[in-house]
Amino acid sequence: MNAGELCKREPVTVREFDEVTDAAKRMREQHVGYLVVVEPVVADGGYEPVGVLTDRDIAIGVVARGVDPRALRVGDLMTRDPVVIEEESSVEEALNEMRRIGVRRLPVVRKNGRLVGVLSMDEILETLAAQMSTVSRSIKNEQRLETELRR
């Protein structure tokens, strides 16, 4: 399994010059706390991630500082040049990158750098939990079958 298979496709995106209030509204409407800041690539119609903006960025950079959010653009708060993971990368590589930079989400890109989706710890944990459940059921079934055979 790789990052591209697990990631959420169609990530919620914003542009660098969008107002922070619009970004916050988009977060609320889409029930997310993480937006990928993108620039369109005219040549192929794709999008290239140039940053990320989190609800925490807004809380710390606007609310905690008492700044008027209408005076700010996404580019004022976003983390520029985000660490990304290629869609063919393993989940282990993605987890290592997340741990290295201390984040829970990574934009997933194609080899050409175009945005594919966002991989989060949530998707990874859901997949691991499902796999562990399958292993557990297999063990229980094995025990049940062995008990029946020994009667």
C-alpha atoms as a PDB file:
ATOM      1  CA  MET A   1       0.000   0.000   0.000  1.00  0.00           C
ATOM      2  CA  ASN A   2       1.298   3.455  -0.847  1.00  0.00           C
ATOM      3  CA  ALA A   3       0.519   7.080  -0.026  1.00  0.00           C
ATOM      4  CA  GLY A   4      -1.514   7.579  -3.195  1.00  0.00           C
ATOM      5  CA  GLU A   5      -3.787   4.651  -2.397  1.00  0.00           C
ATOM      6  CA  LEU A   6      -4.535   5.874   1.131  1.00  0.00           C
ATOM      7  CA  CYS A   7      -4.744   9.623   0.653  1.00  0.00           C
ATOM      8  CA  LYS A   8      -7.969  11.583   0.443  1.00  0.00           C
ATOM      9  CA  ARG A   9      -8.403  12.708  -3.125  1.00  0.00           C
ATOM     10  CA  GLU A  10      -9.840  16.122  -3.929  1.00  0.00           C
ATOM     11  CA  PRO A  11      -8.214  17.954  -1.020  1.00  0.00           C
ATOM     12  CA  VAL A  12      -9.611  21.278   0.105  1.00  0.00           C
ATOM     13  CA  THR A  13      -7.454  24.016  -1.358  1.00  0.00           C
ATOM     14  CA  VAL A  14      -7.014  27.783  -1.247  1.00  0.00           C
ATOM     15  CA  ARG A  15      -4.883  30.331  -3.031  1.00  0.00           C
ATOM     16  CA  GLU A  16      -2.148  32.414  -1.441  1.00  0.00           C
ATOM     17  CA  PHE A  17      -4.006  35.693  -1.971  1.00  0.00           C
ATOM     18  CA  ASP A  18      -7.360  34.489  -0.581  1.00  0.00           C
ATOM     19  CA  GLU A  19      -8.523  36.214   2.584  1.00  0.00           C
ATOM     20  CA  VAL A  20      -7.890  34.333   5.818  1.00  0.00           C
ATOM     21  CA  THR A  21     -11.566  34.717   6.734  1.00  0.00           C
ATOM     22  CA  ASP A  22     -12.531  32.935   3.499  1.00  0.00           C
ATOM     23  CA  ALA A  23     -10.059  30.156   4.268  1.00  0.00           C
ATOM     24  CA  ALA A  24     -11.533  29.754   7.765  1.00  0.00           C
ATOM     25  CA  LYS A  25     -15.043  29.605   6.309  1.00  0.00           C
ATOM     26  CA  ARG A  26     -13.913  26.945   3.852  1.00  0.00           C
ATOM     27  CA  MET A  27     -12.456  24.928   6.734  1.00  0.00           C
ATOM     28  CA  ARG A  28     -15.759  25.132   8.588  1.00  0.00           C
ATOM     29  CA  GLU A  29     -17.868  24.282   5.546  1.00  0.00           C
ATOM     30  CA  GLN A  30     -15.669  21.323   4.560  1.00  0.00           C
ATOM     31  CA  HIS A  31     -15.094  20.120   8.157  1.00  0.00           C
ATOM     32  CA  VAL A  32     -11.311  20.220   7.836  1.00  0.00           C
ATOM     33  CA  GLY A  33      -8.499  21.909   9.719  1.00  0.00           C
ATOM     34  CA  TYR A  34      -5.933  21.749   6.928  1.00  0.00           C
ATOM     35  CA  LEU A  35      -5.887  23.462   3.558  1.00  0.00           C
ATOM     36  CA  VAL A  36      -3.367  23.009   0.788  1.00  0.00           C
ATOM     37  CA  VAL A  37      -2.335  26.323  -0.726  1.00  0.00           C
ATOM     38  CA  VAL A  38      -1.994  25.837  -4.474  1.00  0.00           C
ATOM     39  CA  GLU A  39      -0.988  27.582  -7.650  1.00  0.00           C
ATOM     40  CA  PRO A  40      -2.552  26.444 -10.917  1.00  0.00           C
ATOM     41  CA  VAL A  41      -0.279  24.999 -13.582  1.00  0.00           C
ATOM     42  CA  VAL A  42      -1.655  26.267 -16.872  1.00  0.00           C
ATOM     43  CA  ALA A  43       0.233  23.742 -18.995  1.00  0.00           C
ATOM     44  CA  ASP A  44      -1.658  20.723 -17.672  1.00  0.00           C
ATOM     45  CA  GLY A  45      -4.547  22.120 -15.650  1.00  0.00           C
ATOM     46  CA  GLY A  46      -3.179  20.699 -12.403  1.00  0.00           C
ATOM     47  CA  TYR A  47      -2.254  22.375  -9.166  1.00  0.00           C
ATOM     48  CA  GLU A  48       1.090  22.635  -7.444  1.00  0.00           C
ATOM     49  CA  PRO A  49       1.174  22.876  -3.634  1.00  0.00           C
ATOM     50  CA  VAL A  50       3.058  25.976  -2.514  1.00  0.00           C
ATOM     51  CA  GLY A  51       2.022  25.953   1.131  1.00  0.00           C
ATOM     52  CA  VAL A  52      -0.339  24.679   3.783  1.00  0.00           C
ATOM     53  CA  LEU A  53      -2.628  26.479   6.194  1.00  0.00           C
ATOM     54  CA  THR A  54      -3.999  24.915   9.371  1.00  0.00           C
ATOM     55  CA  ASP A  55      -6.651  25.931  11.841  1.00  0.00           C
ATOM     56  CA  ARG A  56      -3.810  26.160  14.350  1.00  0.00           C
ATOM     57  CA  ASP A  57      -2.023  28.695  12.115  1.00  0.00           C
ATOM     58  CA  ILE A  58      -5.159  30.838  12.248  1.00  0.00           C
ATOM     59  CA  ALA A  59      -5.627  30.407  16.003  1.00  0.00           C
ATOM     60  CA  ILE A  60      -2.021  31.293  16.820  1.00  0.00           C
ATOM     61  CA  GLY A  61      -1.346  33.822  14.074  1.00  0.00           C
ATOM     62  CA  VAL A  62      -4.627  35.717  14.256  1.00  0.00           C
ATOM     63  CA  VAL A  63      -6.743  35.004  17.314  1.00  0.00           C
ATOM     64  CA  ALA A  64      -3.964  34.720  19.923  1.00  0.00           C
ATOM     65  CA  ARG A  65      -2.298  37.874  18.611  1.00  0.00           C
ATOM     66  CA  GLY A  66      -5.535  39.857  18.385  1.00  0.00           C
ATOM     67  CA  VAL A  67      -5.000  40.619  14.697  1.00  0.00           C
ATOM     68  CA  ASP A  68      -7.918  41.598  12.449  1.00  0.00           C
ATOM     69  CA  PRO A  69      -8.353  38.532  10.203  1.00  0.00           C
ATOM     70  CA  ARG A  70      -9.836  40.650   7.411  1.00  0.00           C
ATOM     71  CA  ALA A  71      -6.462  42.348   7.086  1.00  0.00           C
ATOM     72  CA  LEU A  72      -4.618  39.113   6.342  1.00  0.00           C
ATOM     73  CA  ARG A  73      -4.227  36.863   3.339  1.00  0.00           C
ATOM     74  CA  VAL A  74      -3.516  33.137   3.395  1.00  0.00           C
ATOM     75  CA  GLY A  75       0.059  33.877   2.320  1.00  0.00           C
ATOM     76  CA  ASP A  76       0.617  35.858   5.520  1.00  0.00           C
ATOM     77  CA  LEU A  77       0.076  32.776   7.690  1.00  0.00           C
ATOM     78  CA  MET A  78       0.745  29.711   5.563  1.00  0.00           C
ATOM     79  CA  THR A  79       3.738  27.443   5.844  1.00  0.00           C
ATOM     80  CA  ARG A  80       5.569  27.865   2.560  1.00  0.00           C
ATOM     81  CA  ASP A  81       7.244  25.104   0.549  1.00  0.00           C
ATOM     82  CA  PRO A  82       5.505  22.254   2.349  1.00  0.00           C
ATOM     83  CA  VAL A  83       7.095  18.863   2.677  1.00  0.00           C
ATOM     84  CA  VAL A  84       5.227  16.598   0.266  1.00  0.00           C
ATOM     85  CA  ILE A  85       5.224  12.881  -0.392  1.00  0.00           C
ATOM     86  CA  GLU A  86       4.995  11.258  -3.812  1.00  0.00           C
ATOM     87  CA  GLU A  87       1.969   9.063  -4.374  1.00  0.00           C
ATOM     88  CA  GLU A  88       4.155   5.998  -5.012  1.00  0.00           C
ATOM     89  CA  SER A  89       5.960   6.401  -1.678  1.00  0.00           C
ATOM     90  CA  SER A  90       5.304   3.818   0.996  1.00  0.00           C
ATOM     91  CA  VAL A  91       3.207   4.528   4.046  1.00  0.00           C
ATOM     92  CA  GLU A  92       6.347   3.944   6.112  1.00  0.00           C
ATOM     93  CA  GLU A  93       8.130   6.743   4.210  1.00  0.00           C
ATOM     94  CA  ALA A  94       5.158   9.035   4.783  1.00  0.00           C
ATOM     95  CA  LEU A  95       5.121   8.233   8.511  1.00  0.00           C
ATOM     96  CA  ASN A  96       8.865   8.876   8.742  1.00  0.00           C
ATOM     97  CA  GLU A  97       8.417  12.283   7.103  1.00  0.00           C
ATOM     98  CA  MET A  98       5.475  13.137   9.375  1.00  0.00           C
ATOM     99  CA  ARG A  99       7.524  12.212  12.430  1.00  0.00           C
ATOM    100  CA  ARG A 100      10.620  14.059  11.181  1.00  0.00           C
ATOM    101  CA  ILE A 101       8.794  17.370  10.735  1.00  0.00           C
ATOM    102  CA  GLY A 102       6.172  16.897  13.470  1.00  0.00           C
ATOM    103  CA  VAL A 103       2.958  16.944  11.421  1.00  0.00           C
ATOM    104  CA  ARG A 104      -0.134  14.763  11.034  1.00  0.00           C
ATOM    105  CA  ARG A 105      -0.787  15.431   7.347  1.00  0.00           C
ATOM    106  CA  LEU A 106       1.170  15.623   4.101  1.00  0.00           C
ATOM    107  CA  PRO A 107       0.174  16.731   0.628  1.00  0.00           C
ATOM    108  CA  VAL A 108       0.538  13.857  -1.829  1.00  0.00           C
ATOM    109  CA  VAL A 109       1.883  14.689  -5.283  1.00  0.00           C
ATOM    110  CA  ARG A 110       2.609  12.988  -8.580  1.00  0.00           C
ATOM    111  CA  LYS A 111       6.192  12.740  -9.809  1.00  0.00           C
ATOM    112  CA  ASN A 112       5.636  16.017 -11.689  1.00  0.00           C
ATOM    113  CA  GLY A 113       4.718  17.784  -8.428  1.00  0.00           C
ATOM    114  CA  ARG A 114       0.981  18.087  -9.140  1.00  0.00           C
ATOM    115  CA  LEU A 115      -1.312  17.704  -6.152  1.00  0.00           C
ATOM    116  CA  VAL A 116      -3.108  14.366  -5.815  1.00  0.00           C
ATOM    117  CA  GLY A 117      -4.492  14.504  -2.281  1.00  0.00           C
ATOM    118  CA  VAL A 118      -3.697  14.691   1.402  1.00  0.00           C
ATOM    119  CA  LEU A 119      -2.522  11.795   3.533  1.00  0.00           C
ATOM    120  CA  SER A 120      -3.290  12.043   7.232  1.00  0.00           C
ATOM    121  CA  MET A 121      -2.567   9.953  10.283  1.00  0.00           C
ATOM    122  CA  ASP A 122      -6.321   9.301  10.387  1.00  0.00           C
ATOM    123  CA  GLU A 123      -6.278   7.373   7.089  1.00  0.00           C
ATOM    124  CA  ILE A 124      -3.187   5.465   8.143  1.00  0.00           C
ATOM    125  CA  LEU A 125      -4.668   4.533  11.527  1.00  0.00           C
ATOM    126  CA  GLU A 126      -7.996   3.475   9.978  1.00  0.00           C
ATOM    127  CA  THR A 127      -6.176   1.198   7.553  1.00  0.00           C
ATOM    128  CA  LEU A 128      -3.930  -0.281  10.243  1.00  0.00           C
ATOM    129  CA  ALA A 129      -6.925  -0.833  12.531  1.00  0.00           C
ATOM    130  CA  ALA A 130      -8.795  -2.666   9.763  1.00  0.00           C
ATOM    131  CA  GLN A 131      -5.744  -4.829   9.062  1.00  0.00           C
ATOM    132  CA  MET A 132      -5.280  -5.616  12.753  1.00  0.00           C
ATOM    133  CA  SER A 133      -8.959  -6.537  13.013  1.00  0.00           C
ATOM    134  CA  THR A 134      -8.532  -8.967  10.118  1.00  0.00           C
ATOM    135  CA  VAL A 135      -5.513 -10.542  11.819  1.00  0.00           C
ATOM    136  CA  SER A 136      -7.437 -10.841  15.081  1.00  0.00           C
ATOM    137  CA  ARG A 137     -10.413 -12.498  13.355  1.00  0.00           C
ATOM    138  CA  SER A 138      -8.040 -14.911  11.608  1.00  0.00           C
ATOM    139  CA  ILE A 139      -6.474 -15.929  14.913  1.00  0.00           C
ATOM    140  CA  LYS A 140      -9.884 -16.419  16.537  1.00  0.00           C
ATOM    141  CA  ASN A 141     -11.073 -18.457  13.564  1.00  0.00           C
ATOM    142  CA  GLU A 142      -7.932 -20.589  13.711  1.00  0.00           C
ATOM    143  CA  GLN A 143      -8.523 -21.229  17.423  1.00  0.00           C
ATOM    144  CA  ARG A 144     -12.187 -22.091  16.792  1.00  0.00           C
ATOM    145  CA  LEU A 145     -11.298 -24.523  14.012  1.00  0.00           C
ATOM    146  CA  GLU A 146      -8.624 -26.198  16.102  1.00  0.00           C
ATOM    147  CA  THR A 147     -11.043 -26.611  18.999  1.00  0.00           C
ATOM    148  CA  GLU A 148     -13.629 -28.207  16.687  1.00  0.00           C
ATOM    149  CA  LEU A 149     -11.067 -30.572  15.183  1.00  0.00           C
ATOM    150  CA  ARG A 150      -9.925 -31.783  18.609  1.00  0.00           C
ATOM    151  CA  ARG A 151     -13.417 -32.769  19.798  1.00  0.00           C
END
